[in-house]
Amino acid sequence: MSVKNSFLLTFFLVLLTFAALAQSKKSSNSSPKIWSAARANSWYARHKWINGSNFIPSTAINQLEMWQADTFDPETIDRELAYAEGIGFNAMRVFLHSVVWKEDPKGFKNRINKYLTIANKHHIQTIFVFFDDCWNPNAKPGKQPDPKPGIHNSGWMQDPGKPLTSPADFAALKAYVDDILTTFKHDDRILLWDLYNEPGNGNKNFKSAVLLNKVFAWAHAVAPDQPVSAGMWDWSLVELNKIQLQNSDVITYHCYEVPEMHQRIVQLLKINNRPVICTEYMARTRNSTFENTMPMLKQENVGAINWGFVSGKTNTIYAWDKPMPDGSEPKVWFHDVFRKDGTPFSQQETDLIKKLNGK
């Protein structure tokens, strides 16, 4: 999802960093409610190999348009999750948004339940994401912007959008997290809670640490049946990575690197003896593809959740940093798997995914 996802440190420095983090995790967990490694590995062993996509229906430009009552689109969700079931995907990562909850808590939860019912019909579990530092700040309820032609994620909204300092703002976000987690804490249709997407993005850097620490504390206090995590994504943000690693029940991360480097990262993360799930990968023009990466992740027994599913209003067929203002279709899509009618961008890719899933 992020332009900053480049490998920023040498392999040696990353090795030292994660060896140090692994050691610090053994000596001092920041919360007594973090799952033990044994519990986390037992949970992971009960699942088939986890694979799927980040999902937003093609009719929504952002999280608000997906979840608000006027634009919630169960028909499209049902049709597009059927595409996922058809190739064997068993998990989808889906972003929530606090603004929708603030406007209509009961209705939002009802729509989450309806989404989960549809996903469960297609034998898909869901990874829900709470907060997000990517793309546009200042989310507002109501009609969302139209897509800007050829621009990747032109309408995607951060949550909460700026580093917070007010106790009242934190209290409001705590109420949101507590309500959603408490409502769905025993729901086995939910695979995992991803508490914060790419903390420190948008030039926020360590300013995101306050909310990151708080959302882990809030989640651990609720103690849902599902594991909690927050994916590491920028190896230069060492202090944020430390918070994420020390507080996650299972390890999640993002990687859009070439497969050789990606595999090295996987092997480093495994030092911590916990399940590892990649919650973002696959950017074709960066040489992160289904063909060269997904088989490696399966071989390593690492969950594989690519970015982008059905080409639509998010414009993620276009690269982060290479807009096409005329809106023409790029010869090679950056993300996404299917067109709206269910035709794959690449039949070879979907055949591979089906093969890896034994379909």
Foldseek 3Di string as FASTA:
>chain_A
DDPQLDADDDLVVLLVLLVVLLVVLVVDFPDPLQDDQVVQVVLLVVDDLAEEAADAFQQDLEQQLCQAPVRPDVVSLLVQLLLGLVLQHAEYEYEHALQRCVVPVVSSLVSVVVSLVSNVVSNHAYAYEYFEADDAADDDHDDFDFFQFQAFSNGYYGVVRAQDDDPVVVVSSLVVLLVNCLVCLAPPSHAEYAYYEPPCPPVCQCSSVVVLLVSLVSCSVSSGPHWYAHAARRVVSSVVVSSRVSRGNAYEYEHAAAQVVVVSVVVSVCVNSGAYEYQEYAFVVRNTHLVRHVVSCVVSSYHYYYYAAENHRSSQQHDNPDGDSVNDGDPGGGDYFYYSVSHGPDPVNSVVSSVVSVD
